[in-house]
């Protein structure tokens, strides 16, 4: 019988007080990963360091750098699209209006 890995594992390199750690969640998809990331960003204070650590893990000999560069380009394109739509709606005076209530 095959041993089932634990659902949640703390990978090596974690701080003894668990102030920083990498976790592995077994048998789940990006859906829970993105949801957890969103909840953490919503509920956990931003770090006091002015940099972030980003781990990208690829398979089949694909480049994590190429994935990062493509994601950054896609994000830039998305921001441009939103900005253009915003400016267009302002210039044509076609945007939703509502009254704020105190």
PDB file of N, CA and C in Angstrom:
ATOM      1  N   UNK A   1       0.836  -1.173   0.000  1.00  0.00           N
ATOM      2  CA  UNK A   1       0.000   0.000   0.000  1.00  0.00           C
ATOM      3  C   UNK A   1       0.888   1.245   0.000  1.00  0.00           C
ATOM      4  N   UNK A   2       0.550   2.222  -0.820  1.00  0.00           N
ATOM      5  CA  UNK A   2       1.324   3.451  -0.926  1.00  0.00           C
ATOM      6  C   UNK A   2       0.991   4.391   0.220  1.00  0.00           C
ATOM      7  N   UNK A   3       2.044   4.942   0.802  1.00  0.00           N
ATOM      8  CA  UNK A   3       1.848   5.877   1.908  1.00  0.00           C
ATOM      9  C   UNK A   3       1.394   7.223   1.357  1.00  0.00           C
ATOM     10  N   UNK A   4       0.346   7.779   1.919  1.00  0.00           N
ATOM     11  CA  UNK A   4      -0.181   9.076   1.498  1.00  0.00           C
ATOM     12  C   UNK A   4       0.619  10.168   2.206  1.00  0.00           C
ATOM     13  N   UNK A   5       1.157  11.149   1.433  1.00  0.00           N
ATOM     14  CA  UNK A   5       1.914  12.221   2.088  1.00  0.00           C
ATOM     15  C   UNK A   5       0.995  13.091   2.930  1.00  0.00           C
ATOM     16  N   UNK A   6       1.552  13.781   3.923  1.00  0.00           N
ATOM     17  CA  UNK A   6       0.719  14.662   4.745  1.00  0.00           C
ATOM     18  C   UNK A   6       0.122  15.783   3.892  1.00  0.00           C
ATOM     19  N   UNK A   7      -1.049  16.255   4.261  1.00  0.00           N
ATOM     20  CA  UNK A   7      -1.728  17.314   3.513  1.00  0.00           C
ATOM     21  C   UNK A   7      -0.914  18.607   3.530  1.00  0.00           C
ATOM     22  N   UNK A   8      -0.306  18.935   4.668  1.00  0.00           N
ATOM     23  CA  UNK A   8       0.470  20.164   4.823  1.00  0.00           C
ATOM     24  C   UNK A   8       1.842  19.815   5.369  1.00  0.00           C
ATOM     25  N   UNK A   9       2.870  20.332   4.731  1.00  0.00           N
ATOM     26  CA  UNK A   9       4.243  20.068   5.160  1.00  0.00           C
ATOM     27  C   UNK A   9       5.015  21.387   5.188  1.00  0.00           C
ATOM     28  N   UNK A  10       5.841  21.567   6.209  1.00  0.00           N
ATOM     29  CA  UNK A  10       6.740  22.717   6.276  1.00  0.00           C
ATOM     30  C   UNK A  10       8.075  22.261   5.702  1.00  0.00           C
ATOM     31  N   UNK A  11       8.536  22.942   4.659  1.00  0.00           N
ATOM     32  CA  UNK A  11       9.773  22.543   4.003  1.00  0.00           C
ATOM     33  C   UNK A  11      10.984  23.064   4.771  1.00  0.00           C
ATOM     34  N   UNK A  12      12.114  22.429   4.542  1.00  0.00           N
ATOM     35  CA  UNK A  12      13.349  22.807   5.229  1.00  0.00           C
ATOM     36  C   UNK A  12      13.684  24.263   4.956  1.00  0.00           C
ATOM     37  N   UNK A  13      14.305  24.885   5.935  1.00  0.00           N
ATOM     38  CA  UNK A  13      14.717  26.270   5.812  1.00  0.00           C
ATOM     39  C   UNK A  13      13.812  27.221   6.576  1.00  0.00           C
ATOM     40  N   UNK A  14      12.794  26.706   7.228  1.00  0.00           N
ATOM     41  CA  UNK A  14      11.888  27.557   8.002  1.00  0.00           C
ATOM     42  C   UNK A  14      12.617  28.104   9.219  1.00  0.00           C
ATOM     43  N   UNK A  15      12.244  29.302   9.618  1.00  0.00           N
ATOM     44  CA  UNK A  15      12.791  29.887  10.833  1.00  0.00           C
ATOM     45  C   UNK A  15      12.274  29.082  12.033  1.00  0.00           C
ATOM     46  N   UNK A  16      13.076  28.940  13.082  1.00  0.00           N
ATOM     47  CA  UNK A  16      12.633  28.163  14.251  1.00  0.00           C
ATOM     48  C   UNK A  16      11.324  28.664  14.858  1.00  0.00           C
ATOM     49  N   UNK A  17      11.104  29.988  14.806  1.00  0.00           N
ATOM     50  CA  UNK A  17       9.869  30.536  15.377  1.00  0.00           C
ATOM     51  C   UNK A  17       8.743  30.604  14.332  1.00  0.00           C
ATOM     52  N   UNK A  18       8.989  30.058  13.146  1.00  0.00           N
ATOM     53  CA  UNK A  18       8.041  30.036  12.024  1.00  0.00           C
ATOM     54  C   UNK A  18       7.641  31.430  11.541  1.00  0.00           C
ATOM     55  N   UNK A  19       8.519  32.429  11.767  1.00  0.00           N
ATOM     56  CA  UNK A  19       8.248  33.764  11.234  1.00  0.00           C
ATOM     57  C   UNK A  19       8.396  33.786   9.711  1.00  0.00           C
ATOM     58  N   UNK A  20       9.085  32.801   9.165  1.00  0.00           N
ATOM     59  CA  UNK A  20       9.208  32.636   7.710  1.00  0.00           C
ATOM     60  C   UNK A  20       9.316  31.147   7.419  1.00  0.00           C
ATOM     61  N   UNK A  21       8.523  30.682   6.478  1.00  0.00           N
ATOM     62  CA  UNK A  21       8.551  29.261   6.126  1.00  0.00           C
ATOM     63  C   UNK A  21       7.933  29.065   4.752  1.00  0.00           C
ATOM     64  N   UNK A  22       8.334  27.985   4.098  1.00  0.00           N
ATOM     65  CA  UNK A  22       7.713  27.569   2.850  1.00  0.00           C
ATOM     66  C   UNK A  22       6.886  26.336   3.155  1.00  0.00           C
ATOM     67  N   UNK A  23       5.624  26.374   2.744  1.00  0.00           N
ATOM     68  CA  UNK A  23       4.695  25.286   3.009  1.00  0.00           C
ATOM     69  C   UNK A  23       4.367  24.567   1.706  1.00  0.00           C
ATOM     70  N   UNK A  24       4.181  23.280   1.830  1.00  0.00           N
ATOM     71  CA  UNK A  24       3.756  22.469   0.698  1.00  0.00           C
ATOM     72  C   UNK A  24       2.399  21.873   1.047  1.00  0.00           C
ATOM     73  N   UNK A  25       1.420  22.124   0.175  1.00  0.00           N
ATOM     74  CA  UNK A  25       0.078  21.573   0.368  1.00  0.00           C
ATOM     75  C   UNK A  25      -0.110  20.494  -0.688  1.00  0.00           C
ATOM     76  N   UNK A  26      -0.347  19.276  -0.246  1.00  0.00           N
ATOM     77  CA  UNK A  26      -0.433  18.126  -1.137  1.00  0.00           C
ATOM     78  C   UNK A  26      -1.820  17.994  -1.749  1.00  0.00           C
ATOM     79  N   UNK A  27      -1.841  17.640  -3.023  1.00  0.00           N
ATOM     80  CA  UNK A  27      -3.059  17.282  -3.752  1.00  0.00           C
ATOM     81  C   UNK A  27      -4.068  18.418  -3.817  1.00  0.00           C
ATOM     82  N   UNK A  28      -3.592  19.633  -4.107  1.00  0.00           N
ATOM     83  CA  UNK A  28      -4.466  20.794  -4.298  1.00  0.00           C
ATOM     84  C   UNK A  28      -4.018  21.533  -5.559  1.00  0.00           C
ATOM     85  N   UNK A  29      -4.868  22.406  -6.043  1.00  0.00           N
ATOM     86  CA  UNK A  29      -4.572  23.124  -7.285  1.00  0.00           C
ATOM     87  C   UNK A  29      -4.240  24.589  -7.004  1.00  0.00           C
ATOM     88  N   UNK A  30      -4.027  25.334  -8.081  1.00  0.00           N
ATOM     89  CA  UNK A  30      -3.757  26.766  -7.962  1.00  0.00           C
ATOM     90  C   UNK A  30      -4.950  27.516  -7.380  1.00  0.00           C
ATOM     91  N   UNK A  31      -6.127  26.944  -7.486  1.00  0.00           N
ATOM     92  CA  UNK A  31      -7.320  27.618  -6.966  1.00  0.00           C
ATOM     93  C   UNK A  31      -7.176  27.895  -5.474  1.00  0.00           C
ATOM     94  N   UNK A  32      -6.815  26.892  -4.702  1.00  0.00           N
ATOM     95  CA  UNK A  32      -6.643  27.128  -3.264  1.00  0.00           C
ATOM     96  C   UNK A  32      -5.411  27.988  -3.015  1.00  0.00           C
ATOM     97  N   UNK A  33      -4.372  27.822  -3.828  1.00  0.00           N
ATOM     98  CA  UNK A  33      -3.171  28.642  -3.658  1.00  0.00           C
ATOM     99  C   UNK A  33      -3.460  30.120  -3.855  1.00  0.00           C
ATOM    100  N   UNK A  34      -4.176  30.469  -4.922  1.00  0.00           N
ATOM    101  CA  UNK A  34      -4.518  31.867  -5.166  1.00  0.00           C
ATOM    102  C   UNK A  34      -5.465  32.398  -4.104  1.00  0.00           C
ATOM    103  N   UNK A  35      -6.398  31.576  -3.662  1.00  0.00           N
ATOM    104  CA  UNK A  35      -7.328  31.992  -2.610  1.00  0.00           C
ATOM    105  C   UNK A  35      -6.595  32.246  -1.298  1.00  0.00           C
ATOM    106  N   UNK A  36      -5.676  31.358  -0.950  1.00  0.00           N
ATOM    107  CA  UNK A  36      -4.895  31.547   0.278  1.00  0.00           C
ATOM    108  C   UNK A  36      -4.020  32.790   0.193  1.00  0.00           C
ATOM    109  N   UNK A  37      -3.403  33.014  -0.955  1.00  0.00           N
ATOM    110  CA  UNK A  37      -2.572  34.205  -1.142  1.00  0.00           C
ATOM    111  C   UNK A  37      -3.407  35.460  -0.926  1.00  0.00           C
ATOM    112  N   UNK A  38      -4.607  35.478  -1.501  1.00  0.00           N
ATOM    113  CA  UNK A  38      -5.489  36.642  -1.359  1.00  0.00           C
ATOM    114  C   UNK A  38      -5.858  36.863   0.109  1.00  0.00           C
ATOM    115  N   UNK A  39      -6.223  35.782   0.811  1.00  0.00           N
ATOM    116  CA  UNK A  39      -6.599  35.917   2.216  1.00  0.00           C
ATOM    117  C   UNK A  39      -5.420  36.377   3.066  1.00  0.00           C
ATOM    118  N   UNK A  40      -4.231  35.861   2.780  1.00  0.00           N
ATOM    119  CA  UNK A  40      -3.050  36.296   3.530  1.00  0.00           C
ATOM    120  C   UNK A  40      -2.778  37.779   3.295  1.00  0.00           C
ATOM    121  N   UNK A  41      -2.866  38.217   2.044  1.00  0.00           N
ATOM    122  CA  UNK A  41      -2.612  39.629   1.746  1.00  0.00           C
ATOM    123  C   UNK A  41      -3.677  40.521   2.387  1.00  0.00           C
ATOM    124  N   UNK A  42      -4.876  40.010   2.519  1.00  0.00           N
ATOM    125  CA  UNK A  42      -5.978  40.767   3.106  1.00  0.00           C
ATOM    126  C   UNK A  42      -5.838  40.864   4.621  1.00  0.00           C
ATOM    127  N   UNK A  43      -5.352  39.808   5.271  1.00  0.00           N
ATOM    128  CA  UNK A  43      -5.388  39.716   6.724  1.00  0.00           C
ATOM    129  C   UNK A  43      -4.054  39.893   7.431  1.00  0.00           C
ATOM    130  N   UNK A  44      -2.955  39.769   6.718  1.00  0.00           N
ATOM    131  CA  UNK A  44      -1.637  39.833   7.355  1.00  0.00           C
ATOM    132  C   UNK A  44      -1.004  41.183   7.045  1.00  0.00           C
ATOM    133  N   UNK A  45      -0.472  41.869   8.047  1.00  0.00           N
ATOM    134  CA  UNK A  45       0.178  43.159   7.778  1.00  0.00           C
ATOM    135  C   UNK A  45       1.318  42.985   6.776  1.00  0.00           C
ATOM    136  N   UNK A  46       1.529  44.013   5.994  1.00  0.00           N
ATOM    137  CA  UNK A  46       2.607  43.958   5.014  1.00  0.00           C
ATOM    138  C   UNK A  46       3.946  43.858   5.731  1.00  0.00           C
ATOM    139  N   UNK A  47       4.903  43.193   5.114  1.00  0.00           N
ATOM    140  CA  UNK A  47       6.206  43.029   5.773  1.00  0.00           C
ATOM    141  C   UNK A  47       6.919  44.370   5.914  1.00  0.00           C
ATOM    142  N   UNK A  48       7.810  44.424   6.886  1.00  0.00           N
ATOM    143  CA  UNK A  48       8.549  45.663   7.096  1.00  0.00           C
ATOM    144  C   UNK A  48       9.718  45.794   6.124  1.00  0.00           C
ATOM    145  N   UNK A  49      10.062  44.740   5.431  1.00  0.00           N
ATOM    146  CA  UNK A  49      11.128  44.803   4.436  1.00  0.00           C
ATOM    147  C   UNK A  49      10.588  45.412   3.149  1.00  0.00           C
ATOM    148  N   UNK A  50      11.454  46.104   2.422  1.00  0.00           N
ATOM    149  CA  UNK A  50      10.993  46.730   1.192  1.00  0.00           C
ATOM    150  C   UNK A  50      11.289  45.859  -0.032  1.00  0.00           C
ATOM    151  N   UNK A  51      11.252  44.562   0.157  1.00  0.00           N
ATOM    152  CA  UNK A  51      11.386  43.636  -0.970  1.00  0.00           C
ATOM    153  C   UNK A  51      10.543  42.393  -0.704  1.00  0.00           C
ATOM    154  N   UNK A  52      10.279  41.658  -1.764  1.00  0.00           N
ATOM    155  CA  UNK A  52       9.497  40.432  -1.626  1.00  0.00           C
ATOM    156  C   UNK A  52      10.323  39.258  -2.130  1.00  0.00           C
ATOM    157  N   UNK A  53       9.963  38.090  -1.706  1.00  0.00           N
ATOM    158  CA  UNK A  53      10.555  36.854  -2.198  1.00  0.00           C
ATOM    159  C   UNK A  53       9.487  36.165  -3.032  1.00  0.00           C
ATOM    160  N   UNK A  54       9.843  35.781  -4.221  1.00  0.00           N
ATOM    161  CA  UNK A  54       8.905  35.152  -5.125  1.00  0.00           C
ATOM    162  C   UNK A  54       9.502  33.837  -5.601  1.00  0.00           C
ATOM    163  N   UNK A  55       8.815  32.756  -5.345  1.00  0.00           N
ATOM    164  CA  UNK A  55       9.291  31.447  -5.805  1.00  0.00           C
ATOM    165  C   UNK A  55       8.411  31.006  -6.959  1.00  0.00           C
ATOM    166  N   UNK A  56       9.044  30.703  -8.066  1.00  0.00           N
ATOM    167  CA  UNK A  56       8.346  30.195  -9.245  1.00  0.00           C
ATOM    168  C   UNK A  56       8.922  28.818  -9.531  1.00  0.00           C
ATOM    169  N   UNK A  57       8.078  27.838  -9.582  1.00  0.00           N
ATOM    170  CA  UNK A  57       8.513  26.464  -9.808  1.00  0.00           C
ATOM    171  C   UNK A  57       7.914  25.973 -11.115  1.00  0.00           C
ATOM    172  N   UNK A  58       8.774  25.588 -12.051  1.00  0.00           N
ATOM    173  CA  UNK A  58       8.345  25.130 -13.373  1.00  0.00           C
ATOM    174  C   UNK A  58       8.701  23.655 -13.537  1.00  0.00           C
ATOM    175  N   UNK A  59       8.034  23.016 -14.464  1.00  0.00           N
ATOM    176  CA  UNK A  59       8.294  21.622 -14.787  1.00  0.00           C
ATOM    177  C   UNK A  59       8.685  21.515 -16.257  1.00  0.00           C
ATOM    178  N   UNK A  60       9.131  20.345 -16.662  1.00  0.00           N
ATOM    179  CA  UNK A  60       9.481  20.053 -18.056  1.00  0.00           C
ATOM    180  C   UNK A  60      10.561  20.979 -18.592  1.00  0.00           C
ATOM    181  N   UNK A  61      11.503  21.364 -17.740  1.00  0.00           N
ATOM    182  CA  UNK A  61      12.634  22.209 -18.127  1.00  0.00           C
ATOM    183  C   UNK A  61      12.225  23.581 -18.642  1.00  0.00           C
ATOM    184  N   UNK A  62      11.058  24.066 -18.243  1.00  0.00           N
ATOM    185  CA  UNK A  62      10.641  25.410 -18.618  1.00  0.00           C
ATOM    186  C   UNK A  62      11.346  26.412 -17.712  1.00  0.00           C
ATOM    187  N   UNK A  63      11.561  27.619 -18.205  1.00  0.00           N
ATOM    188  CA  UNK A  63      12.317  28.633 -17.479  1.00  0.00           C
ATOM    189  C   UNK A  63      11.417  29.453 -16.562  1.00  0.00           C
ATOM    190  N   UNK A  64      11.771  29.506 -15.285  1.00  0.00           N
ATOM    191  CA  UNK A  64      11.017  30.342 -14.352  1.00  0.00           C
ATOM    192  C   UNK A  64      11.215  31.820 -14.687  1.00  0.00           C
ATOM    193  N   UNK A  65      12.388  32.198 -15.212  1.00  0.00           N
ATOM    194  CA  UNK A  65      12.629  33.584 -15.595  1.00  0.00           C
ATOM    195  C   UNK A  65      11.716  33.979 -16.760  1.00  0.00           C
ATOM    196  N   UNK A  66      11.584  33.112 -17.750  1.00  0.00           N
ATOM    197  CA  UNK A  66      10.688  33.407 -18.866  1.00  0.00           C
ATOM    198  C   UNK A  66       9.239  33.524 -18.381  1.00  0.00           C
ATOM    199  N   UNK A  67       8.843  32.676 -17.455  1.00  0.00           N
ATOM    200  CA  UNK A  67       7.488  32.746 -16.902  1.00  0.00           C
ATOM    201  C   UNK A  67       7.278  34.072 -16.170  1.00  0.00           C
ATOM    202  N   UNK A  68       8.275  34.497 -15.384  1.00  0.00           N
ATOM    203  CA  UNK A  68       8.179  35.760 -14.661  1.00  0.00           C
ATOM    204  C   UNK A  68       8.094  36.934 -15.637  1.00  0.00           C
ATOM    205  N   UNK A  69       8.961  36.953 -16.643  1.00  0.00           N
ATOM    206  CA  UNK A  69       8.958  38.056 -17.609  1.00  0.00           C
ATOM    207  C   UNK A  69       7.637  38.115 -18.374  1.00  0.00           C
ATOM    208  N   UNK A  70       7.100  36.963 -18.742  1.00  0.00           N
ATOM    209  CA  UNK A  70       5.811  36.931 -19.444  1.00  0.00           C
ATOM    210  C   UNK A  70       4.688  37.429 -18.531  1.00  0.00           C
ATOM    211  N   UNK A  71       4.716  37.017 -17.268  1.00  0.00           N
ATOM    212  CA  UNK A  71       3.693  37.464 -16.320  1.00  0.00           C
ATOM    213  C   UNK A  71       3.774  38.978 -16.110  1.00  0.00           C
ATOM    214  N   UNK A  72       4.983  39.519 -16.010  1.00  0.00           N
ATOM    215  CA  UNK A  72       5.146  40.966 -15.855  1.00  0.00           C
ATOM    216  C   UNK A  72       4.638  41.709 -17.081  1.00  0.00           C
ATOM    217  N   UNK A  73       4.926  41.185 -18.254  1.00  0.00           N
ATOM    218  CA  UNK A  73       4.434  41.804 -19.492  1.00  0.00           C
ATOM    219  C   UNK A  73       2.909  41.740 -19.554  1.00  0.00           C
ATOM    220  N   UNK A  74       2.339  40.591 -19.200  1.00  0.00           N
ATOM    221  CA  UNK A  74       0.883  40.460 -19.190  1.00  0.00           C
ATOM    222  C   UNK A  74       0.236  41.415 -18.192  1.00  0.00           C
ATOM    223  N   UNK A  75       0.856  41.567 -17.030  1.00  0.00           N
ATOM    224  CA  UNK A  75       0.340  42.493 -16.026  1.00  0.00           C
ATOM    225  C   UNK A  75       0.394  43.925 -16.544  1.00  0.00           C
ATOM    226  N   UNK A  76       1.488  44.278 -17.181  1.00  0.00           N
ATOM    227  CA  UNK A  76       1.599  45.613 -17.775  1.00  0.00           C
ATOM    228  C   UNK A  76       0.535  45.845 -18.835  1.00  0.00           C
ATOM    229  N   UNK A  77       0.303  44.837 -19.681  1.00  0.00           N
ATOM    230  CA  UNK A  77      -0.728  44.946 -20.713  1.00  0.00           C
ATOM    231  C   UNK A  77      -2.112  45.086 -20.090  1.00  0.00           C
ATOM    232  N   UNK A  78      -2.373  44.339 -19.029  1.00  0.00           N
ATOM    233  CA  UNK A  78      -3.653  44.438 -18.335  1.00  0.00           C
ATOM    234  C   UNK A  78      -3.850  45.841 -17.769  1.00  0.00           C
ATOM    235  N   UNK A  79      -2.814  46.380 -17.138  1.00  0.00           N
ATOM    236  CA  UNK A  79      -2.904  47.740 -16.589  1.00  0.00           C
ATOM    237  C   UNK A  79      -3.160  48.754 -17.693  1.00  0.00           C
ATOM    238  N   UNK A  80      -2.489  48.603 -18.834  1.00  0.00           N
ATOM    239  CA  UNK A  80      -2.715  49.496 -19.978  1.00  0.00           C
ATOM    240  C   UNK A  80      -4.158  49.407 -20.462  1.00  0.00           C
ATOM    241  N   UNK A  81      -4.694  48.198 -20.550  1.00  0.00           N
ATOM    242  CA  UNK A  81      -6.075  47.997 -21.004  1.00  0.00           C
ATOM    243  C   UNK A  81      -7.056  48.660 -20.054  1.00  0.00           C
ATOM    244  N   UNK A  82      -6.863  48.481 -18.757  1.00  0.00           N
ATOM    245  CA  UNK A  82      -7.753  49.102 -17.766  1.00  0.00           C
ATOM    246  C   UNK A  82      -7.645  50.617 -17.836  1.00  0.00           C
ATOM    247  N   UNK A  83      -6.420  51.122 -17.943  1.00  0.00           N
ATOM    248  CA  UNK A  83      -6.232  52.575 -18.025  1.00  0.00           C
ATOM    249  C   UNK A  83      -6.897  53.139 -19.277  1.00  0.00           C
ATOM    250  N   UNK A  84      -6.745  52.473 -20.406  1.00  0.00           N
ATOM    251  CA  UNK A  84      -7.360  52.952 -21.650  1.00  0.00           C
ATOM    252  C   UNK A  84      -8.881  52.937 -21.551  1.00  0.00           C
ATOM    253  N   UNK A  85      -9.447  51.886 -20.980  1.00  0.00           N
ATOM    254  CA  UNK A  85     -10.905  51.812 -20.814  1.00  0.00           C
ATOM    255  C   UNK A  85     -11.387  52.912 -19.875  1.00  0.00           C
ATOM    256  N   UNK A  86     -10.634  53.167 -18.823  1.00  0.00           N
ATOM    257  CA  UNK A  86     -10.985  54.223 -17.870  1.00  0.00           C
ATOM    258  C   UNK A  86     -10.973  55.589 -18.552  1.00  0.00           C
ATOM    259  N   UNK A  87      -9.907  55.879 -19.285  1.00  0.00           N
ATOM    260  CA  UNK A  87      -9.802  57.165 -19.980  1.00  0.00           C
ATOM    261  C   UNK A  87     -10.887  57.308 -21.037  1.00  0.00           C
ATOM    262  N   UNK A  88     -11.193  56.218 -21.730  1.00  0.00           N
ATOM    263  CA  UNK A  88     -12.241  56.245 -22.744  1.00  0.00           C
ATOM    264  C   UNK A  88     -13.592  56.557 -22.118  1.00  0.00           C
ATOM    265  N   UNK A  89     -13.903  55.908 -20.996  1.00  0.00           N
ATOM    266  CA  UNK A  89     -15.195  56.164 -20.347  1.00  0.00           C
ATOM    267  C   UNK A  89     -15.270  57.594 -19.823  1.00  0.00           C
ATOM    268  N   UNK A  90     -14.148  58.150 -19.359  1.00  0.00           N
ATOM    269  CA  UNK A  90     -14.145  59.541 -18.915  1.00  0.00           C
ATOM    270  C   UNK A  90     -14.336  60.494 -20.084  1.00  0.00           C
ATOM    271  N   UNK A  91     -13.669  60.235 -21.195  1.00  0.00           N
ATOM    272  CA  UNK A  91     -13.740  61.145 -22.338  1.00  0.00           C
ATOM    273  C   UNK A  91     -15.110  61.144 -23.006  1.00  0.00           C
ATOM    274  N   UNK A  92     -15.807  60.021 -22.946  1.00  0.00           N
ATOM    275  CA  UNK A  92     -17.140  59.942 -23.557  1.00  0.00           C
ATOM    276  C   UNK A  92     -18.243  60.182 -22.537  1.00  0.00           C
ATOM    277  N   UNK A  93     -17.857  60.453 -21.305  1.00  0.00           N
ATOM    278  CA  UNK A  93     -18.802  60.705 -20.225  1.00  0.00           C
ATOM    279  C   UNK A  93     -19.772  59.530 -20.055  1.00  0.00           C
ATOM    280  N   UNK A  94     -19.246  58.315 -20.252  1.00  0.00           N
ATOM    281  CA  UNK A  94     -20.096  57.120 -20.143  1.00  0.00           C
ATOM    282  C   UNK A  94     -19.597  56.222 -19.029  1.00  0.00           C
ATOM    283  N   UNK A  95     -19.911  56.599 -17.835  1.00  0.00           N
ATOM    284  CA  UNK A  95     -19.537  55.789 -16.679  1.00  0.00           C
ATOM    285  C   UNK A  95     -20.658  55.854 -15.661  1.00  0.00           C
ATOM    286  N   UNK A  96     -20.689  54.894 -14.790  1.00  0.00           N
ATOM    287  CA  UNK A  96     -21.744  54.798 -13.786  1.00  0.00           C
ATOM    288  C   UNK A  96     -21.552  55.874 -12.728  1.00  0.00           C
ATOM    289  N   UNK A  97     -22.651  56.476 -12.332  1.00  0.00           N
ATOM    290  CA  UNK A  97     -22.615  57.500 -11.286  1.00  0.00           C
ATOM    291  C   UNK A  97     -23.544  57.072 -10.153  1.00  0.00           C
ATOM    292  N   UNK A  98     -23.209  57.455  -8.944  1.00  0.00           N
ATOM    293  CA  UNK A  98     -24.069  57.203  -7.801  1.00  0.00           C
ATOM    294  C   UNK A  98     -23.829  58.281  -6.768  1.00  0.00           C
ATOM    295  N   UNK A  99     -24.804  58.473  -5.945  1.00  0.00           N
ATOM    296  CA  UNK A  99     -24.703  59.453  -4.871  1.00  0.00           C
ATOM    297  C   UNK A  99     -24.150  58.776  -3.644  1.00  0.00           C
ATOM    298  N   UNK A 100     -23.126  59.382  -3.059  1.00  0.00           N
ATOM    299  CA  UNK A 100     -22.573  58.855  -1.826  1.00  0.00           C
ATOM    300  C   UNK A 100     -23.424  59.335  -0.666  1.00  0.00           C
ATOM    301  N   UNK A 101     -23.673  58.446   0.239  1.00  0.00           N
ATOM    302  CA  UNK A 101     -24.439  58.802   1.432  1.00  0.00           C
ATOM    303  C   UNK A 101     -23.527  58.758   2.640  1.00  0.00           C
ATOM    304  N   UNK A 102     -23.709  59.728   3.526  1.00  0.00           N
ATOM    305  CA  UNK A 102     -22.846  59.726   4.700  1.00  0.00           C
ATOM    306  C   UNK A 102     -23.370  58.845   5.786  1.00  0.00           C
TER     307      UNK A 102
END
